[in-house]
Every structure is written in C-alpha cells, then in structure tokens.
C-alpha cells in the first residue's frame, strides 16, 4: 500500500531558534549537501555520516549516478538489499512517496533487534532523485528514542541541495 506524504521545505526550526546549522557536503560530490544542527558530529569522510553528540540517531547517506534508471527501481533495490543484508529488520508499513524541498523521493521504515542486542532499533530509509543522481539517506536509532528525532529528520531531508 502506497501512502502519500508531503515533507515541506520549510525553514528549519533549529536554525531559526538557535541560528546554528551545519552544512555537510558529500565528499565525492561536494556541490551536494544536507544541513544538520551545528552541534552534530561528522564521523565519516567518504559518505554522509553525521550524528548528534549523544549518538541517539545515526544519519548515513550514499549517492549513485542514475544512469537512465528510475527512482522506483532504485528504491526497490534498497528495500531488497535491506531485507537481504539486515535480516533482523522487518518493514513497518509500506513505501511512502514524499516530496522534500524540490526533490521527489520515497521513505520506508523498518524495525528489529540487532544481533546480540536487546532493544528494537528503527531504520528509516529514504531515496531521492537529485538532478541525475540517486541519494539514499538512512536514519538509525533505538526505537524508544527515534520518535523525538522525526522533525529533525524531515528538516534534514528538506535541506538537500545540489548546486551548479
């Protein structure tokens, strides 16, 4: 079942209140960026890899050339890859179509308990088509804390920018 969800490209609540945002550039495509709260930490230099200092949620992102493929196929491949590589995750609902800023995308949520862990984790996978590229941003965190980050997740997705 497909659901439609509109992720509004609004001014960030954290940027308006605190005046502190950090632009994070994708290393292999530096004109592609996302924005996060400025007190978050970039932990990865090869992909998007950023998290708050308390490590409650992890944001990871990878970019691929679209090469004539469609976003629906890319999204399905991400879903199949998630199920094959992370067998502990089960989908929560279906795929949801989203609009984030000027980019169309999809969102799919999973939940499960990692091997050797006791608490459930939420894994949110987003896919976007950004001017000839596919961008996948994933958000991972303990399910009991994940809800408090949903607004920030929407803001990060709304901040996707490819200049030039």
C-alpha atoms as a PDB file:
ATOM      1  CA  UNK A   1       0.000   0.000   0.000  1.00  0.00           C
ATOM      2  CA  UNK A   2       1.479   3.341  -1.014  1.00  0.00           C
ATOM      3  CA  UNK A   3       0.902   6.390   1.101  1.00  0.00           C
ATOM      4  CA  UNK A   4       1.482   9.970   0.072  1.00  0.00           C
ATOM      5  CA  UNK A   5       3.303  12.245   2.471  1.00  0.00           C
ATOM      6  CA  UNK A   6       4.379  15.788   1.871  1.00  0.00           C
ATOM      7  CA  UNK A   7       7.607  16.794   3.564  1.00  0.00           C
ATOM      8  CA  UNK A   8       7.505  20.547   3.484  1.00  0.00           C
ATOM      9  CA  UNK A   9      10.587  22.536   2.597  1.00  0.00           C
ATOM     10  CA  UNK A  10      10.282  24.953   5.500  1.00  0.00           C
ATOM     11  CA  UNK A  11      12.833  26.996   7.377  1.00  0.00           C
ATOM     12  CA  UNK A  12      14.439  24.773   9.967  1.00  0.00           C
ATOM     13  CA  UNK A  13      13.094  25.088  13.486  1.00  0.00           C
ATOM     14  CA  UNK A  14      16.562  24.509  14.892  1.00  0.00           C
ATOM     15  CA  UNK A  15      18.114  27.102  12.570  1.00  0.00           C
ATOM     16  CA  UNK A  16      15.518  29.731  13.402  1.00  0.00           C
ATOM     17  CA  UNK A  17      15.697  29.217  17.147  1.00  0.00           C
ATOM     18  CA  UNK A  18      19.396  28.642  17.564  1.00  0.00           C
ATOM     19  CA  UNK A  19      20.780  30.192  14.392  1.00  0.00           C
ATOM     20  CA  UNK A  20      23.110  27.208  14.246  1.00  0.00           C
ATOM     21  CA  UNK A  21      23.070  24.848  11.306  1.00  0.00           C
ATOM     22  CA  UNK A  22      25.912  22.971   9.709  1.00  0.00           C
ATOM     23  CA  UNK A  23      26.143  22.298   6.005  1.00  0.00           C
ATOM     24  CA  UNK A  24      27.520  18.814   5.363  1.00  0.00           C
ATOM     25  CA  UNK A  25      28.884  18.229   1.856  1.00  0.00           C
ATOM     26  CA  UNK A  26      29.027  14.850   0.175  1.00  0.00           C
ATOM     27  CA  UNK A  27      32.775  14.126  -0.242  1.00  0.00           C
ATOM     28  CA  UNK A  28      32.682  12.744  -3.814  1.00  0.00           C
ATOM     29  CA  UNK A  29      30.127  15.325  -4.975  1.00  0.00           C
ATOM     30  CA  UNK A  30      30.876  18.483  -2.942  1.00  0.00           C
ATOM     31  CA  UNK A  31      28.119  20.537  -4.565  1.00  0.00           C
ATOM     32  CA  UNK A  32      25.585  18.150  -2.913  1.00  0.00           C
ATOM     33  CA  UNK A  33      24.824  18.951   0.718  1.00  0.00           C
ATOM     34  CA  UNK A  34      22.447  18.474   3.624  1.00  0.00           C
ATOM     35  CA  UNK A  35      22.033  20.598   6.733  1.00  0.00           C
ATOM     36  CA  UNK A  36      22.072  19.351  10.317  1.00  0.00           C
ATOM     37  CA  UNK A  37      22.144  21.020  13.716  1.00  0.00           C
ATOM     38  CA  UNK A  38      25.587  22.571  14.171  1.00  0.00           C
ATOM     39  CA  UNK A  39      26.340  20.636  17.347  1.00  0.00           C
ATOM     40  CA  UNK A  40      26.190  17.318  15.483  1.00  0.00           C
ATOM     41  CA  UNK A  41      29.395  15.473  14.575  1.00  0.00           C
ATOM     42  CA  UNK A  42      30.571  14.389  11.112  1.00  0.00           C
ATOM     43  CA  UNK A  43      32.028  10.924  11.719  1.00  0.00           C
ATOM     44  CA  UNK A  44      32.581   9.725   8.152  1.00  0.00           C
ATOM     45  CA  UNK A  45      34.608  11.352   5.375  1.00  0.00           C
ATOM     46  CA  UNK A  46      33.660   9.062   2.431  1.00  0.00           C
ATOM     47  CA  UNK A  47      29.858   9.359   2.595  1.00  0.00           C
ATOM     48  CA  UNK A  48      27.325  11.435   4.506  1.00  0.00           C
ATOM     49  CA  UNK A  49      27.886  10.283   8.072  1.00  0.00           C
ATOM     50  CA  UNK A  50      26.671  12.526  10.874  1.00  0.00           C
ATOM     51  CA  UNK A  51      25.112  12.132  14.309  1.00  0.00           C
ATOM     52  CA  UNK A  52      24.329  14.120  17.438  1.00  0.00           C
ATOM     53  CA  UNK A  53      26.951  14.026  20.187  1.00  0.00           C
ATOM     54  CA  UNK A  54      24.673  11.790  22.284  1.00  0.00           C
ATOM     55  CA  UNK A  55      24.670   9.277  19.379  1.00  0.00           C
ATOM     56  CA  UNK A  56      20.902   8.721  19.690  1.00  0.00           C
ATOM     57  CA  UNK A  57      20.499   8.608  15.909  1.00  0.00           C
ATOM     58  CA  UNK A  58      22.837   7.944  13.008  1.00  0.00           C
ATOM     59  CA  UNK A  59      22.462   9.604   9.617  1.00  0.00           C
ATOM     60  CA  UNK A  60      24.252   7.945   6.714  1.00  0.00           C
ATOM     61  CA  UNK A  61      23.959   8.766   3.041  1.00  0.00           C
ATOM     62  CA  UNK A  62      25.242   7.482  -0.255  1.00  0.00           C
ATOM     63  CA  UNK A  63      24.955   8.815  -3.793  1.00  0.00           C
ATOM     64  CA  UNK A  64      24.780   6.930  -7.095  1.00  0.00           C
ATOM     65  CA  UNK A  65      24.571   8.093 -10.712  1.00  0.00           C
ATOM     66  CA  UNK A  66      21.065   7.488 -12.012  1.00  0.00           C
ATOM     67  CA  UNK A  67      22.405   6.360 -15.421  1.00  0.00           C
ATOM     68  CA  UNK A  68      18.957   6.194 -17.019  1.00  0.00           C
ATOM     69  CA  UNK A  69      17.418   4.125 -14.213  1.00  0.00           C
ATOM     70  CA  UNK A  70      14.264   5.173 -12.396  1.00  0.00           C
ATOM     71  CA  UNK A  71      13.816   6.102  -8.754  1.00  0.00           C
ATOM     72  CA  UNK A  72      11.199   3.392  -8.181  1.00  0.00           C
ATOM     73  CA  UNK A  73      13.669   0.689  -9.236  1.00  0.00           C
ATOM     74  CA  UNK A  74      16.439   2.185  -7.090  1.00  0.00           C
ATOM     75  CA  UNK A  75      14.049   2.303  -4.123  1.00  0.00           C
ATOM     76  CA  UNK A  76      13.030  -1.329  -4.636  1.00  0.00           C
ATOM     77  CA  UNK A  77      16.712  -2.368  -4.821  1.00  0.00           C
ATOM     78  CA  UNK A  78      17.380  -0.584  -1.499  1.00  0.00           C
ATOM     79  CA  UNK A  79      14.419  -2.433   0.050  1.00  0.00           C
ATOM     80  CA  UNK A  80      15.576  -5.819  -1.223  1.00  0.00           C
ATOM     81  CA  UNK A  81      19.141  -5.079  -0.079  1.00  0.00           C
ATOM     82  CA  UNK A  82      17.947  -4.133   3.388  1.00  0.00           C
ATOM     83  CA  UNK A  83      15.960  -7.359   3.749  1.00  0.00           C
ATOM     84  CA  UNK A  84      18.833  -9.487   2.413  1.00  0.00           C
ATOM     85  CA  UNK A  85      21.693  -7.887   4.398  1.00  0.00           C
ATOM     86  CA  UNK A  86      19.898  -6.992   7.617  1.00  0.00           C
ATOM     87  CA  UNK A  87      17.562  -9.903   8.193  1.00  0.00           C
ATOM     88  CA  UNK A  88      16.645  -8.689  11.683  1.00  0.00           C
ATOM     89  CA  UNK A  89      14.719  -5.745  10.182  1.00  0.00           C
ATOM     90  CA  UNK A  90      11.083  -6.073   9.179  1.00  0.00           C
ATOM     91  CA  UNK A  91       9.178  -3.394   7.227  1.00  0.00           C
ATOM     92  CA  UNK A  92       6.789  -1.232   9.224  1.00  0.00           C
ATOM     93  CA  UNK A  93       4.052  -0.376   6.746  1.00  0.00           C
ATOM     94  CA  UNK A  94       4.641   0.190   3.069  1.00  0.00           C
ATOM     95  CA  UNK A  95       6.657   2.574   0.982  1.00  0.00           C
ATOM     96  CA  UNK A  96       5.613   6.225   1.236  1.00  0.00           C
ATOM     97  CA  UNK A  97       6.028   8.753  -1.553  1.00  0.00           C
ATOM     98  CA  UNK A  98       7.476  12.051  -0.288  1.00  0.00           C
ATOM     99  CA  UNK A  99       8.360  15.466  -1.631  1.00  0.00           C
ATOM    100  CA  UNK A 100      11.291  17.064   0.109  1.00  0.00           C
ATOM    101  CA  UNK A 101      12.093  20.588  -0.958  1.00  0.00           C
ATOM    102  CA  UNK A 102      12.274  20.353  -4.737  1.00  0.00           C
ATOM    103  CA  UNK A 103      13.086  16.627  -4.872  1.00  0.00           C
ATOM    104  CA  UNK A 104      10.774  13.637  -5.089  1.00  0.00           C
ATOM    105  CA  UNK A 105      11.521  10.569  -3.074  1.00  0.00           C
ATOM    106  CA  UNK A 106      10.382   7.571  -1.107  1.00  0.00           C
ATOM    107  CA  UNK A 107      10.530   6.597   2.532  1.00  0.00           C
ATOM    108  CA  UNK A 108      10.359   3.150   4.108  1.00  0.00           C
ATOM    109  CA  UNK A 109      10.684   2.282   7.754  1.00  0.00           C
ATOM    110  CA  UNK A 110      11.958  -0.928   9.344  1.00  0.00           C
ATOM    111  CA  UNK A 111      12.237  -2.156  12.901  1.00  0.00           C
ATOM    112  CA  UNK A 112      14.114  -5.001  14.522  1.00  0.00           C
ATOM    113  CA  UNK A 113      16.612  -6.081  17.141  1.00  0.00           C
ATOM    114  CA  UNK A 114      20.250  -6.209  16.042  1.00  0.00           C
ATOM    115  CA  UNK A 115      22.161  -9.433  16.718  1.00  0.00           C
ATOM    116  CA  UNK A 116      23.489  -9.518  20.310  1.00  0.00           C
ATOM    117  CA  UNK A 117      21.253  -6.579  21.306  1.00  0.00           C
ATOM    118  CA  UNK A 118      18.061  -6.484  23.362  1.00  0.00           C
ATOM    119  CA  UNK A 119      16.236  -3.296  22.312  1.00  0.00           C
ATOM    120  CA  UNK A 120      14.479  -2.666  18.993  1.00  0.00           C
ATOM    121  CA  UNK A 121      16.017  -0.271  16.511  1.00  0.00           C
ATOM    122  CA  UNK A 122      14.236   1.812  13.886  1.00  0.00           C
ATOM    123  CA  UNK A 123      15.860   2.063  10.454  1.00  0.00           C
ATOM    124  CA  UNK A 124      14.352   4.698   8.164  1.00  0.00           C
ATOM    125  CA  UNK A 125      15.463   4.576   4.520  1.00  0.00           C
ATOM    126  CA  UNK A 126      14.839   7.499   2.186  1.00  0.00           C
ATOM    127  CA  UNK A 127      15.623   7.658  -1.519  1.00  0.00           C
ATOM    128  CA  UNK A 128      15.629  10.779  -3.673  1.00  0.00           C
ATOM    129  CA  UNK A 129      16.294  11.638  -7.287  1.00  0.00           C
ATOM    130  CA  UNK A 130      18.522  14.708  -7.329  1.00  0.00           C
ATOM    131  CA  UNK A 131      19.393  16.041 -10.796  1.00  0.00           C
ATOM    132  CA  UNK A 132      20.694  12.818 -12.352  1.00  0.00           C
ATOM    133  CA  UNK A 133      21.753  11.198  -9.071  1.00  0.00           C
ATOM    134  CA  UNK A 134      20.072   8.925  -6.557  1.00  0.00           C
ATOM    135  CA  UNK A 135      20.614   9.866  -2.932  1.00  0.00           C
ATOM    136  CA  UNK A 136      19.783   7.482  -0.117  1.00  0.00           C
ATOM    137  CA  UNK A 137      19.735   8.866   3.420  1.00  0.00           C
ATOM    138  CA  UNK A 138      19.248   6.373   6.247  1.00  0.00           C
ATOM    139  CA  UNK A 139      18.396   7.203   9.835  1.00  0.00           C
ATOM    140  CA  UNK A 140      19.071   4.590  12.533  1.00  0.00           C
ATOM    141  CA  UNK A 141      18.372   4.734  16.256  1.00  0.00           C
ATOM    142  CA  UNK A 142      16.809   2.976  19.207  1.00  0.00           C
ATOM    143  CA  UNK A 143      13.069   2.842  18.601  1.00  0.00           C
ATOM    144  CA  UNK A 144      12.273   4.312  22.029  1.00  0.00           C
ATOM    145  CA  UNK A 145      14.228   7.490  21.150  1.00  0.00           C
ATOM    146  CA  UNK A 146      13.516   7.655  17.418  1.00  0.00           C
ATOM    147  CA  UNK A 147      10.185   9.475  17.674  1.00  0.00           C
ATOM    148  CA  UNK A 148      11.863  12.544  19.171  1.00  0.00           C
ATOM    149  CA  UNK A 149      14.012  12.911  16.016  1.00  0.00           C
ATOM    150  CA  UNK A 150      11.273  12.767  13.361  1.00  0.00           C
ATOM    151  CA  UNK A 151      11.056  16.562  12.997  1.00  0.00           C
ATOM    152  CA  UNK A 152      14.835  16.834  12.569  1.00  0.00           C
ATOM    153  CA  UNK A 153      14.765  14.003  10.017  1.00  0.00           C
ATOM    154  CA  UNK A 154      12.185  15.922   7.960  1.00  0.00           C
ATOM    155  CA  UNK A 155      14.313  19.058   8.204  1.00  0.00           C
ATOM    156  CA  UNK A 156      17.453  17.223   7.079  1.00  0.00           C
ATOM    157  CA  UNK A 157      15.591  15.734   4.105  1.00  0.00           C
ATOM    158  CA  UNK A 158      14.174  19.163   3.247  1.00  0.00           C
ATOM    159  CA  UNK A 159      17.665  20.639   3.203  1.00  0.00           C
ATOM    160  CA  UNK A 160      19.011  18.501   0.332  1.00  0.00           C
ATOM    161  CA  UNK A 161      20.703  20.842  -2.107  1.00  0.00           C
ATOM    162  CA  UNK A 162      22.678  20.277  -5.313  1.00  0.00           C
ATOM    163  CA  UNK A 163      24.248  23.485  -6.556  1.00  0.00           C
ATOM    164  CA  UNK A 164      25.554  24.093 -10.015  1.00  0.00           C
END
